[in-house]
Amino acid sequence: AHLERENAFIEREDDGEWFRYHALFAAFLRAEAKIRAPKLVAAAQAPAARWLADHGLLFEAVARAVAAADPNLAEQLVEQLWPEIVGQDALSTANELLEAVPGKSIGARPHLSLLAAWARLAAGDLAEADGWIEVAEKHAPKTGDAAEASAFGRMLIALARARLVGDLAAIAAAAA
């Protein structure tokens, strides 16, 4: 709080509990770190993403997962964040995450496959979206919370696809 009052490049977050560097100073520090210690910066991304996720800062965790290009971490976060990503129409977040993870890794992970399907539907590419839907169904978990999250995700994708093509019967089926 003292540093903030002294205008020492520190700002209080809206929640009043956390502080962060001023955006320009933080950008400067990140750029300097990438130049001076790129391997250390790269190695810090996945642990930072896990810490952020463990503390409920899921969208911030996704940004670190993108930087880490860690498909397992990305899958875990997408499983947790699926309703928020779709509900907030966070297509740019989804695309950044999908671009950071190799396609082969996406195909082996049902929640990432669903995210890819949703992103392709948003782009109007039905054929590719259908392919990702098929992959997601093939690798869908069969039991537990992951199975429920996957089923919910598949229902959202079916609803989005039905709306896109104007299929009222499919909309009703997905909603049911």
N, C-alpha and C. Protein backbone atom coordinates (compact mmCIF):
# COMPACT_ATOMS: atom_id res chain seq x y z
N ALA A 1 0.84 -1.19 0.00
CA ALA A 1 0.00 0.00 0.00
C ALA A 1 0.88 1.25 0.00
N HIS A 2 1.98 1.18 0.75
CA HIS A 2 2.91 2.32 0.79
C HIS A 2 3.49 2.57 -0.60
N LEU A 3 3.89 1.53 -1.30
CA LEU A 3 4.45 1.69 -2.64
C LEU A 3 3.42 2.28 -3.59
N GLU A 4 2.17 1.87 -3.43
CA GLU A 4 1.12 2.42 -4.29
C GLU A 4 0.96 3.92 -4.02
N ARG A 5 0.95 4.29 -2.74
CA ARG A 5 0.81 5.71 -2.40
C ARG A 5 1.99 6.53 -2.91
N GLU A 6 3.17 5.91 -2.95
CA GLU A 6 4.38 6.60 -3.41
C GLU A 6 4.49 6.58 -4.94
N ASN A 7 3.49 6.00 -5.60
CA ASN A 7 3.46 5.91 -7.05
C ASN A 7 4.69 5.18 -7.59
N ALA A 8 4.98 4.02 -7.00
CA ALA A 8 6.16 3.23 -7.35
C ALA A 8 5.80 2.08 -8.30
N PHE A 9 5.02 2.38 -9.33
CA PHE A 9 4.66 1.41 -10.35
C PHE A 9 3.81 0.26 -9.82
N ILE A 10 3.14 0.47 -8.71
CA ILE A 10 2.29 -0.56 -8.10
C ILE A 10 0.86 -0.03 -8.07
N GLU A 11 -0.10 -0.93 -8.43
CA GLU A 11 -1.52 -0.56 -8.40
C GLU A 11 -2.29 -1.61 -7.61
N ARG A 12 -3.32 -1.16 -6.92
CA ARG A 12 -4.20 -2.08 -6.19
C ARG A 12 -5.23 -2.62 -7.17
N GLU A 13 -5.49 -3.92 -7.07
CA GLU A 13 -6.53 -4.55 -7.90
C GLU A 13 -7.91 -4.06 -7.44
N ASP A 14 -8.91 -4.25 -8.28
CA ASP A 14 -10.27 -3.84 -7.95
C ASP A 14 -10.80 -4.51 -6.70
N ASP A 15 -10.34 -5.75 -6.43
CA ASP A 15 -10.81 -6.46 -5.25
C ASP A 15 -10.26 -5.88 -3.95
N GLY A 16 -9.27 -4.98 -4.06
CA GLY A 16 -8.69 -4.34 -2.89
C GLY A 16 -7.72 -5.20 -2.12
N GLU A 17 -7.57 -6.47 -2.50
CA GLU A 17 -6.71 -7.40 -1.77
C GLU A 17 -5.35 -7.57 -2.43
N TRP A 18 -5.33 -7.57 -3.75
CA TRP A 18 -4.10 -7.84 -4.48
C TRP A 18 -3.52 -6.54 -5.05
N PHE A 19 -2.21 -6.61 -5.31
CA PHE A 19 -1.52 -5.52 -5.99
C PHE A 19 -0.86 -6.08 -7.23
N ARG A 20 -0.63 -5.23 -8.20
CA ARG A 20 0.12 -5.64 -9.39
C ARG A 20 0.93 -4.45 -9.87
N TYR A 21 1.94 -4.78 -10.66
CA TYR A 21 2.73 -3.72 -11.27
C TYR A 21 1.86 -2.93 -12.24
N HIS A 22 2.17 -1.67 -12.40
CA HIS A 22 1.53 -0.86 -13.44
C HIS A 22 1.74 -1.58 -14.77
N ALA A 23 0.75 -1.53 -15.66
CA ALA A 23 0.78 -2.32 -16.89
C ALA A 23 2.02 -2.06 -17.73
N LEU A 24 2.43 -0.82 -17.86
CA LEU A 24 3.62 -0.51 -18.67
C LEU A 24 4.89 -1.04 -18.02
N PHE A 25 4.97 -0.92 -16.70
CA PHE A 25 6.15 -1.42 -16.00
C PHE A 25 6.19 -2.95 -16.07
N ALA A 26 5.04 -3.59 -15.94
CA ALA A 26 4.98 -5.06 -16.04
C ALA A 26 5.41 -5.51 -17.43
N ALA A 27 4.95 -4.80 -18.47
CA ALA A 27 5.35 -5.15 -19.84
C ALA A 27 6.86 -5.00 -20.01
N PHE A 28 7.41 -3.94 -19.44
CA PHE A 28 8.85 -3.75 -19.50
C PHE A 28 9.59 -4.90 -18.81
N LEU A 29 9.14 -5.29 -17.62
CA LEU A 29 9.79 -6.37 -16.88
C LEU A 29 9.70 -7.69 -17.65
N ARG A 30 8.53 -7.98 -18.25
CA ARG A 30 8.39 -9.21 -19.03
C ARG A 30 9.33 -9.21 -20.24
N ALA A 31 9.40 -8.10 -20.93
CA ALA A 31 10.30 -8.01 -22.09
C ALA A 31 11.75 -8.18 -21.66
N GLU A 32 12.13 -7.55 -20.58
CA GLU A 32 13.51 -7.67 -20.07
C GLU A 32 13.81 -9.11 -19.67
N ALA A 33 12.86 -9.76 -19.02
CA ALA A 33 13.06 -11.15 -18.60
C ALA A 33 13.21 -12.07 -19.81
N LYS A 34 12.41 -11.84 -20.85
CA LYS A 34 12.51 -12.66 -22.07
C LYS A 34 13.87 -12.52 -22.73
N ILE A 35 14.45 -11.35 -22.64
CA ILE A 35 15.77 -11.12 -23.23
C ILE A 35 16.87 -11.74 -22.37
N ARG A 36 16.79 -11.51 -21.07
CA ARG A 36 17.87 -11.94 -20.16
C ARG A 36 17.78 -13.40 -19.72
N ALA A 37 16.57 -13.93 -19.63
CA ALA A 37 16.41 -15.31 -19.11
C ALA A 37 15.26 -16.02 -19.80
N PRO A 38 15.33 -16.22 -21.11
CA PRO A 38 14.18 -16.81 -21.83
C PRO A 38 13.83 -18.22 -21.37
N LYS A 39 14.83 -19.02 -21.04
CA LYS A 39 14.52 -20.39 -20.59
C LYS A 39 13.82 -20.38 -19.24
N LEU A 40 14.23 -19.49 -18.37
CA LEU A 40 13.59 -19.38 -17.05
C LEU A 40 12.14 -18.92 -17.20
N VAL A 41 11.91 -17.96 -18.09
CA VAL A 41 10.55 -17.48 -18.32
C VAL A 41 9.68 -18.61 -18.86
N ALA A 42 10.19 -19.36 -19.84
CA ALA A 42 9.43 -20.46 -20.42
C ALA A 42 9.12 -21.53 -19.37
N ALA A 43 10.10 -21.84 -18.53
CA ALA A 43 9.91 -22.87 -17.51
C ALA A 43 8.92 -22.45 -16.43
N ALA A 44 8.73 -21.16 -16.25
CA ALA A 44 7.84 -20.67 -15.20
C ALA A 44 6.37 -20.67 -15.61
N GLN A 45 6.07 -20.82 -16.90
CA GLN A 45 4.70 -20.67 -17.38
C GLN A 45 3.74 -21.73 -16.83
N ALA A 46 4.10 -23.01 -16.92
CA ALA A 46 3.20 -24.07 -16.46
C ALA A 46 2.97 -24.01 -14.95
N PRO A 47 4.02 -23.84 -14.12
CA PRO A 47 3.75 -23.71 -12.68
C PRO A 47 2.89 -22.48 -12.36
N ALA A 48 3.12 -21.39 -13.08
CA ALA A 48 2.30 -20.19 -12.85
C ALA A 48 0.85 -20.47 -13.21
N ALA A 49 0.62 -21.17 -14.32
CA ALA A 49 -0.74 -21.51 -14.73
C ALA A 49 -1.43 -22.38 -13.68
N ARG A 50 -0.71 -23.36 -13.15
CA ARG A 50 -1.30 -24.24 -12.13
C ARG A 50 -1.64 -23.45 -10.87
N TRP A 51 -0.73 -22.55 -10.45
CA TRP A 51 -0.99 -21.73 -9.25
C TRP A 51 -2.21 -20.87 -9.48
N LEU A 52 -2.30 -20.21 -10.61
CA LEU A 52 -3.45 -19.36 -10.91
C LEU A 52 -4.74 -20.18 -10.92
N ALA A 53 -4.71 -21.36 -11.52
CA ALA A 53 -5.90 -22.21 -11.56
C ALA A 53 -6.30 -22.65 -10.15
N ASP A 54 -5.31 -23.03 -9.34
CA ASP A 54 -5.60 -23.46 -7.97
C ASP A 54 -6.21 -22.34 -7.13
N HIS A 55 -5.96 -21.10 -7.52
CA HIS A 55 -6.47 -19.95 -6.77
C HIS A 55 -7.66 -19.29 -7.46
N GLY A 56 -8.28 -20.03 -8.39
CA GLY A 56 -9.51 -19.56 -8.99
C GLY A 56 -9.36 -18.50 -10.08
N LEU A 57 -8.14 -18.23 -10.50
CA LEU A 57 -7.90 -17.23 -11.54
C LEU A 57 -7.74 -17.96 -12.88
N LEU A 58 -8.85 -18.52 -13.34
CA LEU A 58 -8.79 -19.47 -14.45
C LEU A 58 -8.45 -18.83 -15.79
N PHE A 59 -8.99 -17.67 -16.10
CA PHE A 59 -8.64 -17.06 -17.38
C PHE A 59 -7.18 -16.63 -17.41
N GLU A 60 -6.67 -16.16 -16.28
CA GLU A 60 -5.25 -15.83 -16.20
C GLU A 60 -4.41 -17.10 -16.36
N ALA A 61 -4.92 -18.21 -15.80
CA ALA A 61 -4.22 -19.49 -15.94
C ALA A 61 -4.16 -19.92 -17.40
N VAL A 62 -5.23 -19.67 -18.14
CA VAL A 62 -5.24 -20.03 -19.56
C VAL A 62 -4.15 -19.26 -20.30
N ALA A 63 -3.97 -17.99 -19.99
CA ALA A 63 -2.92 -17.21 -20.65
C ALA A 63 -1.55 -17.83 -20.40
N ARG A 64 -1.31 -18.29 -19.19
CA ARG A 64 -0.01 -18.92 -18.89
C ARG A 64 0.08 -20.28 -19.56
N ALA A 65 -1.04 -21.02 -19.65
CA ALA A 65 -1.04 -22.31 -20.34
C ALA A 65 -0.74 -22.13 -21.81
N VAL A 66 -1.24 -21.04 -22.40
CA VAL A 66 -0.92 -20.73 -23.80
C VAL A 66 0.58 -20.54 -23.94
N ALA A 67 1.16 -19.78 -23.03
CA ALA A 67 2.60 -19.53 -23.08
C ALA A 67 3.40 -20.81 -22.85
N ALA A 68 2.85 -21.71 -22.03
CA ALA A 68 3.56 -22.96 -21.74
C ALA A 68 3.38 -23.99 -22.85
N ALA A 69 2.33 -23.84 -23.66
CA ALA A 69 2.00 -24.81 -24.71
C ALA A 69 1.94 -26.23 -24.14
N ASP A 70 1.31 -26.37 -22.98
CA ASP A 70 1.21 -27.64 -22.27
C ASP A 70 -0.19 -28.22 -22.53
N PRO A 71 -0.30 -29.25 -23.39
CA PRO A 71 -1.63 -29.77 -23.73
C PRO A 71 -2.39 -30.37 -22.55
N ASN A 72 -1.70 -31.00 -21.63
CA ASN A 72 -2.39 -31.59 -20.47
C ASN A 72 -2.99 -30.50 -19.59
N LEU A 73 -2.21 -29.46 -19.35
CA LEU A 73 -2.69 -28.34 -18.55
C LEU A 73 -3.84 -27.64 -19.28
N ALA A 74 -3.71 -27.45 -20.57
CA ALA A 74 -4.77 -26.82 -21.34
C ALA A 74 -6.06 -27.62 -21.23
N GLU A 75 -5.97 -28.94 -21.33
CA GLU A 75 -7.15 -29.80 -21.22
C GLU A 75 -7.81 -29.64 -19.85
N GLN A 76 -7.00 -29.63 -18.79
CA GLN A 76 -7.56 -29.47 -17.44
C GLN A 76 -8.28 -28.13 -17.29
N LEU A 77 -7.67 -27.07 -17.82
CA LEU A 77 -8.28 -25.75 -17.69
C LEU A 77 -9.55 -25.63 -18.52
N VAL A 78 -9.53 -26.19 -19.72
CA VAL A 78 -10.72 -26.12 -20.56
C VAL A 78 -11.86 -26.91 -19.90
N GLU A 79 -11.54 -28.04 -19.30
CA GLU A 79 -12.57 -28.81 -18.60
C GLU A 79 -13.20 -27.96 -17.50
N GLN A 80 -12.38 -27.21 -16.76
CA GLN A 80 -12.89 -26.35 -15.69
C GLN A 80 -13.61 -25.12 -16.24
N LEU A 81 -13.12 -24.58 -17.33
CA LEU A 81 -13.58 -23.29 -17.83
C LEU A 81 -14.63 -23.35 -18.92
N TRP A 82 -14.97 -24.56 -19.37
CA TRP A 82 -15.85 -24.68 -20.53
C TRP A 82 -17.07 -23.75 -20.46
N PRO A 83 -17.86 -23.77 -19.38
CA PRO A 83 -19.04 -22.89 -19.35
C PRO A 83 -18.69 -21.40 -19.45
N GLU A 84 -17.58 -20.99 -18.83
CA GLU A 84 -17.20 -19.59 -18.88
C GLU A 84 -16.72 -19.18 -20.27
N ILE A 85 -15.95 -20.04 -20.91
CA ILE A 85 -15.43 -19.71 -22.24
C ILE A 85 -16.59 -19.54 -23.22
N VAL A 86 -17.52 -20.48 -23.21
CA VAL A 86 -18.66 -20.41 -24.13
C VAL A 86 -19.63 -19.32 -23.68
N GLY A 87 -19.91 -19.27 -22.38
CA GLY A 87 -20.87 -18.29 -21.86
C GLY A 87 -20.43 -16.86 -22.06
N GLN A 88 -19.12 -16.61 -21.99
CA GLN A 88 -18.61 -15.25 -22.19
C GLN A 88 -18.18 -15.03 -23.64
N ASP A 89 -18.43 -16.01 -24.48
CA ASP A 89 -18.06 -15.93 -25.89
C ASP A 89 -16.60 -15.54 -26.05
N ALA A 90 -15.74 -16.21 -25.28
CA ALA A 90 -14.31 -15.90 -25.26
C ALA A 90 -13.59 -16.62 -26.40
N LEU A 91 -14.00 -16.30 -27.62
CA LEU A 91 -13.45 -16.97 -28.79
C LEU A 91 -11.96 -16.68 -28.97
N SER A 92 -11.52 -15.47 -28.69
CA SER A 92 -10.09 -15.17 -28.86
C SER A 92 -9.26 -15.99 -27.87
N THR A 93 -9.76 -16.16 -26.64
CA THR A 93 -9.06 -16.99 -25.66
C THR A 93 -8.99 -18.43 -26.16
N ALA A 94 -10.10 -18.93 -26.68
CA ALA A 94 -10.13 -20.30 -27.20
C ALA A 94 -9.15 -20.46 -28.35
N ASN A 95 -9.15 -19.53 -29.28
CA ASN A 95 -8.26 -19.63 -30.44
C ASN A 95 -6.80 -19.56 -30.04
N GLU A 96 -6.45 -18.68 -29.10
CA GLU A 96 -5.06 -18.60 -28.63
C GLU A 96 -4.62 -19.92 -28.02
N LEU A 97 -5.49 -20.50 -27.23
CA LEU A 97 -5.17 -21.78 -26.59
C LEU A 97 -5.01 -22.87 -27.63
N LEU A 98 -5.91 -22.92 -28.59
CA LEU A 98 -5.85 -23.95 -29.62
C LEU A 98 -4.62 -23.78 -30.51
N GLU A 99 -4.23 -22.56 -30.78
CA GLU A 99 -3.04 -22.32 -31.60
C GLU A 99 -1.76 -22.74 -30.87
N ALA A 100 -1.78 -22.68 -29.55
CA ALA A 100 -0.58 -23.00 -28.78
C ALA A 100 -0.37 -24.51 -28.62
N VAL A 101 -1.44 -25.29 -28.85
CA VAL A 101 -1.37 -26.74 -28.65
C VAL A 101 -1.37 -27.42 -30.01
N PRO A 102 -0.44 -28.33 -30.26
CA PRO A 102 -0.42 -29.03 -31.55
C PRO A 102 -1.73 -29.79 -31.80
N GLY A 103 -2.16 -29.82 -33.07
CA GLY A 103 -3.42 -30.47 -33.45
C GLY A 103 -3.52 -31.91 -32.98
N LYS A 104 -2.42 -32.64 -33.05
CA LYS A 104 -2.42 -34.05 -32.62
C LYS A 104 -2.74 -34.13 -31.12
N SER A 105 -2.24 -33.18 -30.35
CA SER A 105 -2.52 -33.17 -28.92
C SER A 105 -3.96 -32.78 -28.63
N ILE A 106 -4.52 -31.92 -29.46
CA ILE A 106 -5.92 -31.54 -29.29
C ILE A 106 -6.81 -32.76 -29.51
N GLY A 107 -6.54 -33.52 -30.56
CA GLY A 107 -7.36 -34.67 -30.90
C GLY A 107 -7.40 -35.74 -29.84
N ALA A 108 -6.39 -35.81 -29.01
CA ALA A 108 -6.34 -36.84 -27.96
C ALA A 108 -7.04 -36.39 -26.68
N ARG A 109 -7.55 -35.16 -26.67
CA ARG A 109 -8.14 -34.60 -25.46
C ARG A 109 -9.56 -34.11 -25.77
N PRO A 110 -10.58 -34.74 -25.17
CA PRO A 110 -11.96 -34.45 -25.55
C PRO A 110 -12.39 -33.00 -25.33
N HIS A 111 -11.95 -32.37 -24.23
CA HIS A 111 -12.38 -31.00 -23.98
C HIS A 111 -11.73 -30.02 -24.96
N LEU A 112 -10.49 -30.28 -25.33
CA LEU A 112 -9.86 -29.44 -26.33
C LEU A 112 -10.50 -29.66 -27.70
N SER A 113 -10.91 -30.89 -27.97
CA SER A 113 -11.61 -31.18 -29.23
C SER A 113 -12.94 -30.43 -29.28
N LEU A 114 -13.65 -30.40 -28.16
CA LEU A 114 -14.90 -29.65 -28.10
C LEU A 114 -14.65 -28.16 -28.30
N LEU A 115 -13.58 -27.66 -27.69
CA LEU A 115 -13.23 -26.25 -27.86
C LEU A 115 -12.92 -25.95 -29.32
N ALA A 116 -12.20 -26.86 -29.98
CA ALA A 116 -11.89 -26.69 -31.40
C ALA A 116 -13.18 -26.71 -32.22
N ALA A 117 -14.11 -27.59 -31.88
CA ALA A 117 -15.39 -27.65 -32.59
C ALA A 117 -16.15 -26.34 -32.43
N TRP A 118 -16.19 -25.82 -31.21
CA TRP A 118 -16.89 -24.57 -30.95
C TRP A 118 -16.25 -23.42 -31.74
N ALA A 119 -14.93 -23.37 -31.75
CA ALA A 119 -14.23 -22.31 -32.48
C ALA A 119 -14.51 -22.41 -33.99
N ARG A 120 -14.55 -23.64 -34.52
CA ARG A 120 -14.82 -23.81 -35.95
C ARG A 120 -16.28 -23.46 -36.27
N LEU A 121 -17.21 -23.78 -35.35
CA LEU A 121 -18.60 -23.38 -35.55
C LEU A 121 -18.71 -21.86 -35.58
N ALA A 122 -18.01 -21.21 -34.66
CA ALA A 122 -18.03 -19.74 -34.61
C ALA A 122 -17.49 -19.14 -35.90
N ALA A 123 -16.57 -19.84 -36.55
CA ALA A 123 -16.01 -19.37 -37.83
C ALA A 123 -16.88 -19.79 -39.01
N GLY A 124 -17.94 -20.57 -38.74
CA GLY A 124 -18.84 -21.00 -39.81
C GLY A 124 -18.35 -22.20 -40.59
N ASP A 125 -17.35 -22.91 -40.08
CA ASP A 125 -16.78 -24.06 -40.77
C ASP A 125 -17.41 -25.34 -40.23
N LEU A 126 -18.57 -25.71 -40.78
CA LEU A 126 -19.32 -26.86 -40.28
C LEU A 126 -18.57 -28.18 -40.46
N ALA A 127 -17.92 -28.35 -41.60
CA ALA A 127 -17.24 -29.62 -41.87
C ALA A 127 -16.14 -29.88 -40.84
N GLU A 128 -15.31 -28.88 -40.60
CA GLU A 128 -14.23 -29.09 -39.62
C GLU A 128 -14.80 -29.22 -38.21
N ALA A 129 -15.83 -28.43 -37.90
CA ALA A 129 -16.47 -28.55 -36.58
C ALA A 129 -17.01 -29.96 -36.38
N ASP A 130 -17.66 -30.51 -37.41
CA ASP A 130 -18.19 -31.87 -37.30
C ASP A 130 -17.08 -32.88 -37.04
N GLY A 131 -15.94 -32.68 -37.68
CA GLY A 131 -14.80 -33.56 -37.46
C GLY A 131 -14.33 -33.52 -36.01
N TRP A 132 -14.25 -32.30 -35.44
CA TRP A 132 -13.83 -32.18 -34.05
C TRP A 132 -14.87 -32.75 -33.09
N ILE A 133 -16.15 -32.60 -33.45
CA ILE A 133 -17.22 -33.18 -32.61
C ILE A 133 -17.07 -34.70 -32.57
N GLU A 134 -16.81 -35.28 -33.71
CA GLU A 134 -16.61 -36.74 -33.80
C GLU A 134 -15.43 -37.18 -32.94
N VAL A 135 -14.33 -36.43 -33.02
CA VAL A 135 -13.14 -36.75 -32.22
C VAL A 135 -13.47 -36.63 -30.73
N ALA A 136 -14.19 -35.59 -30.34
CA ALA A 136 -14.54 -35.40 -28.93
C ALA A 136 -15.41 -36.54 -28.42
N GLU A 137 -16.35 -36.98 -29.23
CA GLU A 137 -17.23 -38.08 -28.82
C GLU A 137 -16.45 -39.38 -28.69
N LYS A 138 -15.51 -39.59 -29.61
CA LYS A 138 -14.70 -40.81 -29.58
C LYS A 138 -13.86 -40.90 -28.31
N HIS A 139 -13.34 -39.77 -27.84
CA HIS A 139 -12.44 -39.76 -26.68
C HIS A 139 -13.13 -39.30 -25.39
N ALA A 140 -14.46 -39.19 -25.41
CA ALA A 140 -15.19 -38.70 -24.25
C ALA A 140 -14.99 -39.61 -23.05
N PRO A 141 -14.75 -39.03 -21.87
CA PRO A 141 -14.65 -39.85 -20.65
C PRO A 141 -15.99 -40.52 -20.36
N LYS A 142 -15.94 -41.68 -19.76
CA LYS A 142 -17.15 -42.48 -19.54
C LYS A 142 -17.75 -42.33 -18.14
N THR A 143 -16.93 -41.91 -17.16
CA THR A 143 -17.42 -41.82 -15.78
C THR A 143 -16.90 -40.57 -15.10
N GLY A 144 -17.56 -40.23 -14.01
CA GLY A 144 -17.08 -39.16 -13.14
C GLY A 144 -17.43 -37.76 -13.61
N ASP A 145 -16.82 -36.78 -12.94
CA ASP A 145 -17.07 -35.37 -13.25
C ASP A 145 -16.64 -35.02 -14.67
N ALA A 146 -15.54 -35.62 -15.11
CA ALA A 146 -15.06 -35.34 -16.47
C ALA A 146 -16.08 -35.78 -17.51
N ALA A 147 -16.77 -36.89 -17.25
CA ALA A 147 -17.80 -37.37 -18.17
C ALA A 147 -18.98 -36.40 -18.20
N GLU A 148 -19.36 -35.87 -17.03
CA GLU A 148 -20.45 -34.90 -16.97
C GLU A 148 -20.07 -33.62 -17.70
N ALA A 149 -18.85 -33.14 -17.47
CA ALA A 149 -18.39 -31.91 -18.13
C ALA A 149 -18.34 -32.12 -19.64
N SER A 150 -17.90 -33.28 -20.06
CA SER A 150 -17.83 -33.58 -21.49
C SER A 150 -19.22 -33.65 -22.10
N ALA A 151 -20.15 -34.28 -21.42
CA ALA A 151 -21.53 -34.38 -21.92
C ALA A 151 -22.15 -32.99 -22.03
N PHE A 152 -21.90 -32.15 -21.04
CA PHE A 152 -22.41 -30.78 -21.08
C PHE A 152 -21.81 -30.02 -22.26
N GLY A 153 -20.51 -30.17 -22.46
CA GLY A 153 -19.85 -29.53 -23.58
C GLY A 153 -20.39 -30.00 -24.92
N ARG A 154 -20.62 -31.29 -25.05
CA ARG A 154 -21.16 -31.83 -26.30
C ARG A 154 -22.58 -31.31 -26.55
N MET A 155 -23.36 -31.15 -25.47
CA MET A 155 -24.71 -30.59 -25.61
C MET A 155 -24.63 -29.14 -26.09
N LEU A 156 -23.71 -28.36 -25.54
CA LEU A 156 -23.56 -26.97 -25.97
C LEU A 156 -23.15 -26.89 -27.44
N ILE A 157 -22.26 -27.76 -27.85
CA ILE A 157 -21.82 -27.78 -29.24
C ILE A 157 -22.98 -28.18 -30.15
N ALA A 158 -23.74 -29.18 -29.75
CA ALA A 158 -24.89 -29.61 -30.56
C ALA A 158 -25.89 -28.47 -30.69
N LEU A 159 -26.11 -27.75 -29.61
CA LEU A 159 -27.03 -26.61 -29.64
C LEU A 159 -26.50 -25.51 -30.55
N ALA A 160 -25.22 -25.19 -30.44
CA ALA A 160 -24.62 -24.15 -31.29
C ALA A 160 -24.69 -24.54 -32.76
N ARG A 161 -24.43 -25.81 -33.05
CA ARG A 161 -24.47 -26.27 -34.44
C ARG A 161 -25.90 -26.20 -34.98
N ALA A 162 -26.85 -26.65 -34.16
CA ALA A 162 -28.25 -26.64 -34.59
C ALA A 162 -28.73 -25.21 -34.84
N ARG A 163 -28.33 -24.28 -33.99
CA ARG A 163 -28.71 -22.88 -34.19
C ARG A 163 -28.10 -22.34 -35.47
N LEU A 164 -26.85 -22.71 -35.72
CA LEU A 164 -26.15 -22.20 -36.91
C LEU A 164 -26.83 -22.64 -38.20
N VAL A 165 -27.31 -23.88 -38.23
CA VAL A 165 -27.95 -24.39 -39.44
C VAL A 165 -29.46 -24.21 -39.44
N GLY A 166 -30.01 -23.71 -38.32
CA GLY A 166 -31.45 -23.48 -38.23
C GLY A 166 -32.28 -24.73 -38.11
N ASP A 167 -31.73 -25.75 -37.45
CA ASP A 167 -32.42 -27.04 -37.28
C ASP A 167 -33.19 -27.02 -35.95
N LEU A 168 -34.48 -26.71 -36.02
CA LEU A 168 -35.28 -26.58 -34.80
C LEU A 168 -35.42 -27.88 -34.02
N ALA A 169 -35.50 -28.99 -34.73
CA ALA A 169 -35.61 -30.28 -34.05
C ALA A 169 -34.32 -30.59 -33.27
N ALA A 170 -33.18 -30.29 -33.88
CA ALA A 170 -31.90 -30.53 -33.20
C ALA A 170 -31.73 -29.57 -32.01
N ILE A 171 -32.23 -28.34 -32.14
CA ILE A 171 -32.19 -27.39 -31.01
C ILE A 171 -32.99 -27.95 -29.85
N ALA A 172 -34.19 -28.44 -30.12
CA ALA A 172 -35.03 -29.02 -29.07
C ALA A 172 -34.36 -30.25 -28.46
N ALA A 173 -33.76 -31.09 -29.29
CA ALA A 173 -33.09 -32.29 -28.77
C ALA A 173 -31.90 -31.92 -27.88
N ALA A 174 -31.10 -30.95 -28.31
CA ALA A 174 -29.94 -30.53 -27.51
C ALA A 174 -30.39 -29.91 -26.20
N ALA A 175 -31.43 -29.12 -26.24
CA ALA A 175 -31.94 -28.47 -25.02
C ALA A 175 -32.51 -29.50 -24.06
N ALA A 176 -33.12 -30.55 -24.61
CA ALA A 176 -33.70 -31.59 -23.75
C ALA A 176 -32.60 -32.36 -23.05
